[in-house]
PDB file of N, CA and C in Angstrom:
ATOM      1  N   MET A   1       0.837  -1.202   0.003  1.00  0.00           N
ATOM      2  CA  MET A   1      -0.046  -0.003  -0.013  1.00  0.00           C
ATOM      3  C   MET A   1       0.891   1.182   0.023  1.00  0.00           C
ATOM      4  N   GLY A   2       0.423   2.256  -0.724  1.00  0.00           N
ATOM      5  CA  GLY A   2       1.173   3.462  -0.803  1.00  0.00           C
ATOM      6  C   GLY A   2       0.817   4.466   0.253  1.00  0.00           C
ATOM      7  N   VAL A   3       1.666   5.439   0.425  1.00  0.00           N
ATOM      8  CA  VAL A   3       1.390   6.461   1.427  1.00  0.00           C
ATOM      9  C   VAL A   3       0.667   7.541   0.735  1.00  0.00           C
ATOM     10  N   PHE A   4      -0.463   8.105   1.435  1.00  0.00           N
ATOM     11  CA  PHE A   4      -1.204   9.165   0.873  1.00  0.00           C
ATOM     12  C   PHE A   4      -0.534  10.439   0.875  1.00  0.00           C
ATOM     13  N   GLN A   5      -0.377  11.103  -0.291  1.00  0.00           N
ATOM     14  CA  GLN A   5       0.319  12.402  -0.332  1.00  0.00           C
ATOM     15  C   GLN A   5      -0.695  13.362  -0.925  1.00  0.00           C
ATOM     16  N   SER A   6      -0.817  14.473  -0.139  1.00  0.00           N
ATOM     17  CA  SER A   6      -1.683  15.520  -0.681  1.00  0.00           C
ATOM     18  C   SER A   6      -0.973  16.373  -1.765  1.00  0.00           C
ATOM     19  N   PRO A   7      -1.668  16.868  -2.692  1.00  0.00           N
ATOM     20  CA  PRO A   7      -1.066  17.687  -3.745  1.00  0.00           C
ATOM     21  C   PRO A   7      -0.540  18.933  -3.153  1.00  0.00           C
ATOM     22  N   PRO A   8       0.537  19.579  -3.783  1.00  0.00           N
ATOM     23  CA  PRO A   8       1.080  20.817  -3.201  1.00  0.00           C
ATOM     24  C   PRO A   8       0.006  21.910  -3.237  1.00  0.00           C
ATOM     25  N   SER A   9      -0.014  22.757  -2.324  1.00  0.00           N
ATOM     26  CA  SER A   9      -0.906  23.844  -2.200  1.00  0.00           C
ATOM     27  C   SER A   9      -0.425  25.051  -3.082  1.00  0.00           C
ATOM     28  N   ASN A  10      -1.315  25.557  -3.808  1.00  0.00           N
ATOM     29  CA  ASN A  10      -1.011  26.745  -4.667  1.00  0.00           C
ATOM     30  C   ASN A  10      -1.614  28.015  -4.071  1.00  0.00           C
ATOM     31  N   GLY A  11      -2.020  27.873  -2.798  1.00  0.00           N
ATOM     32  CA  GLY A  11      -2.656  29.082  -2.124  1.00  0.00           C
ATOM     33  C   GLY A  11      -1.642  30.113  -1.857  1.00  0.00           C
ATOM     34  N   PRO A  12      -2.202  31.234  -1.357  1.00  0.00           N
ATOM     35  CA  PRO A  12      -1.243  32.321  -1.050  1.00  0.00           C
ATOM     36  C   PRO A  12      -0.434  32.000   0.158  1.00  0.00           C
ATOM     37  N   ARG A  13       0.789  32.551   0.221  1.00  0.00           N
ATOM     38  CA  ARG A  13       1.651  32.430   1.283  1.00  0.00           C
ATOM     39  C   ARG A  13       1.276  33.360   2.423  1.00  0.00           C
ATOM     40  N   PRO A  14       1.550  32.981   3.653  1.00  0.00           N
ATOM     41  CA  PRO A  14       1.199  33.820   4.761  1.00  0.00           C
ATOM     42  C   PRO A  14       1.933  35.160   4.677  1.00  0.00           C
ATOM     43  N   THR A  15       1.159  36.262   4.775  1.00  0.00           N
ATOM     44  CA  THR A  15       1.751  37.599   4.654  1.00  0.00           C
ATOM     45  C   THR A  15       1.468  38.463   5.867  1.00  0.00           C
ATOM     46  N   GLY A  16       1.398  37.880   7.007  1.00  0.00           N
ATOM     47  CA  GLY A  16       1.151  38.676   8.186  1.00  0.00           C
ATOM     48  C   GLY A  16       2.284  39.451   8.552  1.00  0.00           C
ATOM     49  N   PRO A  17       2.243  40.299   9.571  1.00  0.00           N
ATOM     50  CA  PRO A  17       3.337  41.207   9.978  1.00  0.00           C
ATOM     51  C   PRO A  17       4.531  40.345  10.413  1.00  0.00           C
ATOM     52  N   GLN A  18       4.347  39.188  10.988  1.00  0.00           N
ATOM     53  CA  GLN A  18       5.415  38.379  11.435  1.00  0.00           C
ATOM     54  C   GLN A  18       6.153  37.751  10.203  1.00  0.00           C
ATOM     55  N   GLY A  19       5.459  37.374   9.157  1.00  0.00           N
ATOM     56  CA  GLY A  19       6.090  36.832   8.022  1.00  0.00           C
ATOM     57  C   GLY A  19       6.929  37.878   7.275  1.00  0.00           C
ATOM     58  N   LYS A  20       6.435  39.110   7.194  1.00  0.00           N
ATOM     59  CA  LYS A  20       7.136  40.159   6.529  1.00  0.00           C
ATOM     60  C   LYS A  20       8.369  40.503   7.411  1.00  0.00           C
ATOM     61  N   ALA A  21       8.188  40.642   8.694  1.00  0.00           N
ATOM     62  CA  ALA A  21       9.358  40.967   9.529  1.00  0.00           C
ATOM     63  C   ALA A  21      10.387  39.873   9.470  1.00  0.00           C
ATOM     64  N   ARG A  22       9.980  38.668   9.362  1.00  0.00           N
ATOM     65  CA  ARG A  22      11.008  37.579   9.270  1.00  0.00           C
ATOM     66  C   ARG A  22      11.708  37.672   7.911  1.00  0.00           C
ATOM     67  N   SER A  23      11.039  38.056   6.788  1.00  0.00           N
ATOM     68  CA  SER A  23      11.674  38.145   5.471  1.00  0.00           C
ATOM     69  C   SER A  23      12.700  39.327   5.598  1.00  0.00           C
ATOM     70  N   ILE A  24      12.273  40.429   6.136  1.00  0.00           N
ATOM     71  CA  ILE A  24      13.198  41.572   6.198  1.00  0.00           C
ATOM     72  C   ILE A  24      14.393  41.251   7.075  1.00  0.00           C
ATOM     73  N   ALA A  25      14.162  40.581   8.206  1.00  0.00           N
ATOM     74  CA  ALA A  25      15.293  40.261   9.156  1.00  0.00           C
ATOM     75  C   ALA A  25      16.213  39.297   8.371  1.00  0.00           C
ATOM     76  N   LEU A  26      15.771  38.399   7.618  1.00  0.00           N
ATOM     77  CA  LEU A  26      16.670  37.437   6.908  1.00  0.00           C
ATOM     78  C   LEU A  26      17.414  38.131   5.862  1.00  0.00           C
ATOM     79  N   MET A  27      16.808  39.061   5.077  1.00  0.00           N
ATOM     80  CA  MET A  27      17.512  39.840   4.096  1.00  0.00           C
ATOM     81  C   MET A  27      18.579  40.641   4.824  1.00  0.00           C
ATOM     82  N   TRP A  28      18.232  41.260   5.945  1.00  0.00           N
ATOM     83  CA  TRP A  28      19.168  42.183   6.593  1.00  0.00           C
ATOM     84  C   TRP A  28      20.340  41.363   7.103  1.00  0.00           C
ATOM     85  N   LEU A  29      20.081  40.223   7.654  1.00  0.00           N
ATOM     86  CA  LEU A  29      21.185  39.335   8.175  1.00  0.00           C
ATOM     87  C   LEU A  29      22.127  38.839   7.098  1.00  0.00           C
ATOM     88  N   LEU A  30      21.522  38.511   5.877  1.00  0.00           N
ATOM     89  CA  LEU A  30      22.411  38.091   4.786  1.00  0.00           C
ATOM     90  C   LEU A  30      23.203  39.202   4.326  1.00  0.00           C
ATOM     91  N   SER A  31      22.640  40.460   4.305  1.00  0.00           N
ATOM     92  CA  SER A  31      23.417  41.603   3.864  1.00  0.00           C
ATOM     93  C   SER A  31      24.534  41.896   4.817  1.00  0.00           C
ATOM     94  N   LEU A  32      24.227  41.819   6.133  1.00  0.00           N
ATOM     95  CA  LEU A  32      25.240  42.073   7.124  1.00  0.00           C
ATOM     96  C   LEU A  32      26.328  41.033   7.107  1.00  0.00           C
ATOM     97  N   GLY A  33      25.995  39.765   6.840  1.00  0.00           N
ATOM     98  CA  GLY A  33      27.023  38.719   6.726  1.00  0.00           C
ATOM     99  C   GLY A  33      27.943  38.944   5.509  1.00  0.00           C
ATOM    100  N   LEU A  34      27.341  39.341   4.361  1.00  0.00           N
ATOM    101  CA  LEU A  34      28.165  39.612   3.201  1.00  0.00           C
ATOM    102  C   LEU A  34      29.045  40.837   3.491  1.00  0.00           C
ATOM    103  N   SER A  35      28.542  41.822   4.139  1.00  0.00           N
ATOM    104  CA  SER A  35      29.375  42.965   4.482  1.00  0.00           C
ATOM    105  C   SER A  35      30.548  42.618   5.374  1.00  0.00           C
ATOM    106  N   ALA A  36      30.289  41.753   6.309  1.00  0.00           N
ATOM    107  CA  ALA A  36      31.288  41.285   7.285  1.00  0.00           C
ATOM    108  C   ALA A  36      32.346  40.497   6.554  1.00  0.00           C
ATOM    109  N   LEU A  37      31.923  39.679   5.627  1.00  0.00           N
ATOM    110  CA  LEU A  37      32.964  38.882   4.817  1.00  0.00           C
ATOM    111  C   LEU A  37      33.829  39.785   3.926  1.00  0.00           C
ATOM    112  N   LEU A  38      33.162  40.787   3.308  1.00  0.00           N
ATOM    113  CA  LEU A  38      33.927  41.731   2.514  1.00  0.00           C
ATOM    114  C   LEU A  38      34.955  42.526   3.341  1.00  0.00           C
ATOM    115  N   VAL A  39      34.547  42.996   4.524  1.00  0.00           N
ATOM    116  CA  VAL A  39      35.492  43.719   5.370  1.00  0.00           C
ATOM    117  C   VAL A  39      36.575  42.818   5.819  1.00  0.00           C
ATOM    118  N   ALA A  40      36.315  41.586   6.183  1.00  0.00           N
ATOM    119  CA  ALA A  40      37.409  40.612   6.610  1.00  0.00           C
ATOM    120  C   ALA A  40      38.320  40.351   5.428  1.00  0.00           C
ATOM    121  N   ALA A  41      37.822  40.234   4.239  1.00  0.00           N
ATOM    122  CA  ALA A  41      38.682  39.976   3.133  1.00  0.00           C
ATOM    123  C   ALA A  41      39.497  41.237   2.758  1.00  0.00           C
ATOM    124  N   GLY A  42      38.924  42.416   2.895  1.00  0.00           N
ATOM    125  CA  GLY A  42      39.712  43.603   2.645  1.00  0.00           C
ATOM    126  C   GLY A  42      40.817  43.803   3.640  1.00  0.00           C
ATOM    127  N   ARG A  43      40.670  43.400   4.835  1.00  0.00           N
ATOM    128  CA  ARG A  43      41.747  43.623   5.864  1.00  0.00           C
ATOM    129  C   ARG A  43      42.859  42.621   5.619  1.00  0.00           C
ATOM    130  N   ARG A  44      42.569  41.473   5.039  1.00  0.00           N
ATOM    131  CA  ARG A  44      43.672  40.476   4.798  1.00  0.00           C
ATOM    132  C   ARG A  44      44.261  40.607   3.391  1.00  0.00           C
ATOM    133  N   TRP A  45      43.700  41.457   2.568  1.00  0.00           N
ATOM    134  CA  TRP A  45      44.297  41.564   1.206  1.00  0.00           C
ATOM    135  C   TRP A  45      45.604  42.225   1.286  1.00  0.00           C
ATOM    136  N   PRO A  46      46.675  41.702   0.536  1.00  0.00           N
ATOM    137  CA  PRO A  46      48.018  42.242   0.734  1.00  0.00           C
ATOM    138  C   PRO A  46      48.269  43.598   0.044  1.00  0.00           C
ATOM    139  N   GLU A  47      47.619  43.961  -0.949  1.00  0.00           N
ATOM    140  CA  GLU A  47      47.824  45.252  -1.675  1.00  0.00           C
ATOM    141  C   GLU A  47      46.486  45.841  -2.124  1.00  0.00           C
ATOM    142  N   PRO A  48      46.356  47.109  -2.308  1.00  0.00           N
ATOM    143  CA  PRO A  48      45.137  47.745  -2.754  1.00  0.00           C
ATOM    144  C   PRO A  48      44.817  47.279  -4.167  1.00  0.00           C
ATOM    145  N   LEU A  49      43.554  47.158  -4.458  1.00  0.00           N
ATOM    146  CA  LEU A  49      43.108  46.777  -5.780  1.00  0.00           C
ATOM    147  C   LEU A  49      42.873  47.977  -6.646  1.00  0.00           C
ATOM    148  N   PRO A  50      43.258  47.940  -7.882  1.00  0.00           N
ATOM    149  CA  PRO A  50      42.937  49.110  -8.745  1.00  0.00           C
ATOM    150  C   PRO A  50      41.415  49.080  -9.094  1.00  0.00           C
ATOM    151  N   PRO A  51      40.794  50.160  -9.058  1.00  0.00           N
ATOM    152  CA  PRO A  51      39.322  50.259  -9.362  1.00  0.00           C
ATOM    153  C   PRO A  51      39.088  49.944 -10.842  1.00  0.00           C
ATOM    154  N   ARG A  52      38.225  48.943 -11.038  1.00  0.00           N
ATOM    155  CA  ARG A  52      37.811  48.579 -12.418  1.00  0.00           C
ATOM    156  C   ARG A  52      36.276  48.916 -12.567  1.00  0.00           C
ATOM    157  N   PRO A  53      35.948  49.670 -13.472  1.00  0.00           N
ATOM    158  CA  PRO A  53      34.499  50.042 -13.618  1.00  0.00           C
ATOM    159  C   PRO A  53      33.627  48.850 -13.817  1.00  0.00           C
ATOM    160  N   GLU A  54      33.965  47.906 -14.585  1.00  0.00           N
ATOM    161  CA  GLU A  54      33.054  46.740 -14.825  1.00  0.00           C
ATOM    162  C   GLU A  54      32.814  45.974 -13.500  1.00  0.00           C
ATOM    163  N   TRP A  55      33.879  45.891 -12.629  1.00  0.00           N
ATOM    164  CA  TRP A  55      33.602  45.112 -11.377  1.00  0.00           C
ATOM    165  C   TRP A  55      32.845  45.939 -10.393  1.00  0.00           C
ATOM    166  N   ILE A  56      33.070  47.230 -10.422  1.00  0.00           N
ATOM    167  CA  ILE A  56      32.273  48.130  -9.543  1.00  0.00           C
ATOM    168  C   ILE A  56      30.795  48.046  -9.895  1.00  0.00           C
ATOM    169  N   TRP A  57      30.501  48.206 -11.187  1.00  0.00           N
ATOM    170  CA  TRP A  57      29.115  48.110 -11.628  1.00  0.00           C
ATOM    171  C   TRP A  57      28.522  46.761 -11.264  1.00  0.00           C
ATOM    172  N   ALA A  58      29.230  45.683 -11.504  1.00  0.00           N
ATOM    173  CA  ALA A  58      28.706  44.395 -11.185  1.00  0.00           C
ATOM    174  C   ALA A  58      28.385  44.200  -9.664  1.00  0.00           C
ATOM    175  N   LEU A  59      29.304  44.694  -8.883  1.00  0.00           N
ATOM    176  CA  LEU A  59      29.090  44.610  -7.406  1.00  0.00           C
ATOM    177  C   LEU A  59      27.972  45.470  -6.950  1.00  0.00           C
ATOM    178  N   LEU A  60      27.784  46.655  -7.541  1.00  0.00           N
ATOM    179  CA  LEU A  60      26.766  47.560  -7.117  1.00  0.00           C
ATOM    180  C   LEU A  60      25.430  47.160  -7.621  1.00  0.00           C
ATOM    181  N   SER A  61      25.297  46.437  -8.733  1.00  0.00           N
ATOM    182  CA  SER A  61      23.998  46.067  -9.289  1.00  0.00           C
ATOM    183  C   SER A  61      23.555  44.682  -8.848  1.00  0.00           C
ATOM    184  N   LEU A  62      24.437  43.806  -8.337  1.00  0.00           N
ATOM    185  CA  LEU A  62      23.998  42.438  -7.949  1.00  0.00           C
ATOM    186  C   LEU A  62      23.021  42.478  -6.732  1.00  0.00           C
ATOM    187  N   VAL A  63      23.284  43.272  -5.797  1.00  0.00           N
ATOM    188  CA  VAL A  63      22.370  43.330  -4.648  1.00  0.00           C
ATOM    189  C   VAL A  63      20.972  43.822  -4.999  1.00  0.00           C
ATOM    190  N   PRO A  64      20.897  44.974  -5.652  1.00  0.00           N
ATOM    191  CA  PRO A  64      19.558  45.392  -6.020  1.00  0.00           C
ATOM    192  C   PRO A  64      18.782  44.417  -6.954  1.00  0.00           C
ATOM    193  N   LEU A  65      19.496  43.763  -7.822  1.00  0.00           N
ATOM    194  CA  LEU A  65      18.938  42.727  -8.709  1.00  0.00           C
ATOM    195  C   LEU A  65      18.474  41.560  -7.922  1.00  0.00           C
ATOM    196  N   ALA A  66      19.251  41.157  -6.948  1.00  0.00           N
ATOM    197  CA  ALA A  66      18.875  40.031  -6.051  1.00  0.00           C
ATOM    198  C   ALA A  66      17.658  40.335  -5.268  1.00  0.00           C
ATOM    199  N   ILE A  67      17.538  41.574  -4.711  1.00  0.00           N
ATOM    200  CA  ILE A  67      16.358  41.942  -4.002  1.00  0.00           C
ATOM    201  C   ILE A  67      15.156  42.073  -4.939  1.00  0.00           C
ATOM    202  N   LEU A  68      15.335  42.595  -6.146  1.00  0.00           N
ATOM    203  CA  LEU A  68      14.259  42.622  -7.212  1.00  0.00           C
ATOM    204  C   LEU A  68      13.740  41.211  -7.434  1.00  0.00           C
ATOM    205  N   ALA A  69      14.671  40.242  -7.636  1.00  0.00           N
ATOM    206  CA  ALA A  69      14.269  38.822  -7.890  1.00  0.00           C
ATOM    207  C   ALA A  69      13.483  38.253  -6.715  1.00  0.00           C
ATOM    208  N   LEU A  70      13.885  38.597  -5.519  1.00  0.00           N
ATOM    209  CA  LEU A  70      13.281  38.067  -4.341  1.00  0.00           C
ATOM    210  C   LEU A  70      11.815  38.683  -4.245  1.00  0.00           C
ATOM    211  N   VAL A  71      11.677  39.987  -4.468  1.00  0.00           N
ATOM    212  CA  VAL A  71      10.398  40.617  -4.418  1.00  0.00           C
ATOM    213  C   VAL A  71       9.430  40.055  -5.545  1.00  0.00           C
ATOM    214  N   LEU A  72       9.957  39.937  -6.695  1.00  0.00           N
ATOM    215  CA  LEU A  72       9.151  39.452  -7.793  1.00  0.00           C
ATOM    216  C   LEU A  72       8.788  37.956  -7.618  1.00  0.00           C
ATOM    217  N   SER A  73       9.660  37.254  -6.945  1.00  0.00           N
ATOM    218  CA  SER A  73       9.322  35.777  -6.770  1.00  0.00           C
ATOM    219  C   SER A  73       8.131  35.620  -5.740  1.00  0.00           C
ATOM    220  N   ARG A  74       8.024  36.616  -4.870  1.00  0.00           N
ATOM    221  CA  ARG A  74       6.996  36.544  -3.795  1.00  0.00           C
ATOM    222  C   ARG A  74       5.737  37.330  -4.121  1.00  0.00           C
ATOM    223  N   TRP A  75       5.785  38.052  -5.186  1.00  0.00           N
ATOM    224  CA  TRP A  75       4.747  38.981  -5.583  1.00  0.00           C
ATOM    225  C   TRP A  75       3.521  38.090  -6.004  1.00  0.00           C
ATOM    226  N   SER A  76       2.403  38.378  -5.538  1.00  0.00           N
ATOM    227  CA  SER A  76       1.125  37.638  -5.944  1.00  0.00           C
ATOM    228  C   SER A  76       0.123  38.593  -6.446  1.00  0.00           C
ATOM    229  N   LEU A  77      -0.395  38.351  -7.656  1.00  0.00           N
ATOM    230  CA  LEU A  77      -1.388  39.199  -8.239  1.00  0.00           C
ATOM    231  C   LEU A  77      -2.804  38.654  -7.949  1.00  0.00           C
ATOM    232  N   GLY A  78      -2.957  37.747  -7.142  1.00  0.00           N
ATOM    233  CA  GLY A  78      -4.227  37.145  -6.850  1.00  0.00           C
ATOM    234  C   GLY A  78      -4.504  35.931  -7.817  1.00  0.00           C
ATOM    235  N   ASP A  79      -5.812  35.583  -7.770  1.00  0.00           N
ATOM    236  CA  ASP A  79      -6.237  34.512  -8.619  1.00  0.00           C
ATOM    237  C   ASP A  79      -6.364  35.042 -10.059  1.00  0.00           C
ATOM    238  N   GLU A  80      -5.586  34.528 -10.972  1.00  0.00           N
ATOM    239  CA  GLU A  80      -5.537  35.063 -12.336  1.00  0.00           C
ATOM    240  C   GLU A  80      -6.726  34.606 -13.111  1.00  0.00           C
ATOM    241  N   ARG A  81      -7.429  33.588 -12.632  1.00  0.00           N
ATOM    242  CA  ARG A  81      -8.643  33.136 -13.348  1.00  0.00           C
ATOM    243  C   ARG A  81      -9.844  34.067 -13.197  1.00  0.00           C
ATOM    244  N   GLU A  82      -9.803  34.927 -12.162  1.00  0.00           N
ATOM    245  CA  GLU A  82     -10.943  35.798 -11.982  1.00  0.00           C
ATOM    246  C   GLU A  82     -10.882  37.002 -12.965  1.00  0.00           C
ATOM    247  N   SER A  83     -12.026  37.438 -13.407  1.00  0.00           N
ATOM    248  CA  SER A  83     -11.999  38.587 -14.327  1.00  0.00           C
ATOM    249  C   SER A  83     -12.008  39.873 -13.509  1.00  0.00           C
ATOM    250  N   SER A  84     -11.695  40.936 -14.140  1.00  0.00           N
ATOM    251  CA  SER A  84     -11.599  42.231 -13.394  1.00  0.00           C
ATOM    252  C   SER A  84     -13.018  42.632 -12.930  1.00  0.00           C
ATOM    253  N   GLY A  85     -14.089  42.150 -13.640  1.00  0.00           N
ATOM    254  CA  GLY A  85     -15.376  42.481 -13.248  1.00  0.00           C
ATOM    255  C   GLY A  85     -15.694  41.811 -11.878  1.00  0.00           C
ATOM    256  N   ALA A  86     -15.269  40.545 -11.762  1.00  0.00           N
ATOM    257  CA  ALA A  86     -15.477  39.878 -10.441  1.00  0.00           C
ATOM    258  C   ALA A  86     -14.687  40.612  -9.387  1.00  0.00           C
ATOM    259  N   MET A  87     -13.570  41.088  -9.615  1.00  0.00           N
ATOM    260  CA  MET A  87     -12.817  41.811  -8.604  1.00  0.00           C
ATOM    261  C   MET A  87     -13.571  43.108  -8.199  1.00  0.00           C
ATOM    262  N   GLN A  88     -14.179  43.860  -9.189  1.00  0.00           N
ATOM    263  CA  GLN A  88     -14.873  45.055  -8.819  1.00  0.00           C
ATOM    264  C   GLN A  88     -16.131  44.775  -8.048  1.00  0.00           C
ATOM    265  N   GLU A  89     -16.824  43.599  -8.334  1.00  0.00           N
ATOM    266  CA  GLU A  89     -18.013  43.339  -7.554  1.00  0.00           C
ATOM    267  C   GLU A  89     -17.773  43.094  -6.058  1.00  0.00           C
ATOM    268  N   ARG A  90     -16.592  42.588  -5.757  1.00  0.00           N
ATOM    269  CA  ARG A  90     -16.236  42.281  -4.361  1.00  0.00           C
ATOM    270  C   ARG A  90     -16.051  43.579  -3.567  1.00  0.00           C
ATOM    271  N   ARG A  91     -15.645  44.583  -4.193  1.00  0.00           N
ATOM    272  CA  ARG A  91     -15.351  45.872  -3.526  1.00  0.00           C
ATOM    273  C   ARG A  91     -16.531  46.625  -3.262  1.00  0.00           C
TER     274      ARG A  91
END
């Protein structure tokens, strides 16, 4: 006999204040950890690095792009099967 497995839920994710605070705290901790690693690496580096514009742009754009990807991955537009008329009737 097989084990009963329920199908994955496609429902909305919990978006209460605790869920949002947890997401913000996680992102903040990840950013703080990355900053600490960069500072530690900078202190141990034997000589100054020459500034390279392509590296600077890459480093400055990676964090905002990662945050954008995170926001877009969690963005929900609601049930796409409903028409705009049904949405207006609810209000």
